[in-house]
């Protein structure tokens, strides 16, 4: 799993990637009809991040059943997100900050690329 962290911008400038996948039109409930994208998902929006440093560790899925079966690669350089995009995320996912509490390392190592 590749993780990209987001940093909220001071100005209300939307993240181009999130806009390209119609984030602001995401269904508000799981039974709502999905949306169609106009083109393929373009991860090149993050090319400047993918070429940088990252952290790697053995971890788990973030949603139930939270199985410990994945290797995480978390990029060290964050992307940006606008305050309005954060507000919309909180609106469609109220009260959800994480499905799983932070877990102890239990002897696992977190490695940083060099």
Foldseek 3Di string as FASTA:
>chain_A
DEAAAADEDPDQDALPLCVQLVVVPADLDPPDDGDDGPDDRDPVSCVVQVPDKWKKWQAFDQAPVRDRDDIYTYTPDHHYGYPVSVVSVCNSVPPPPTRDDDDDCVPIDIDMDD
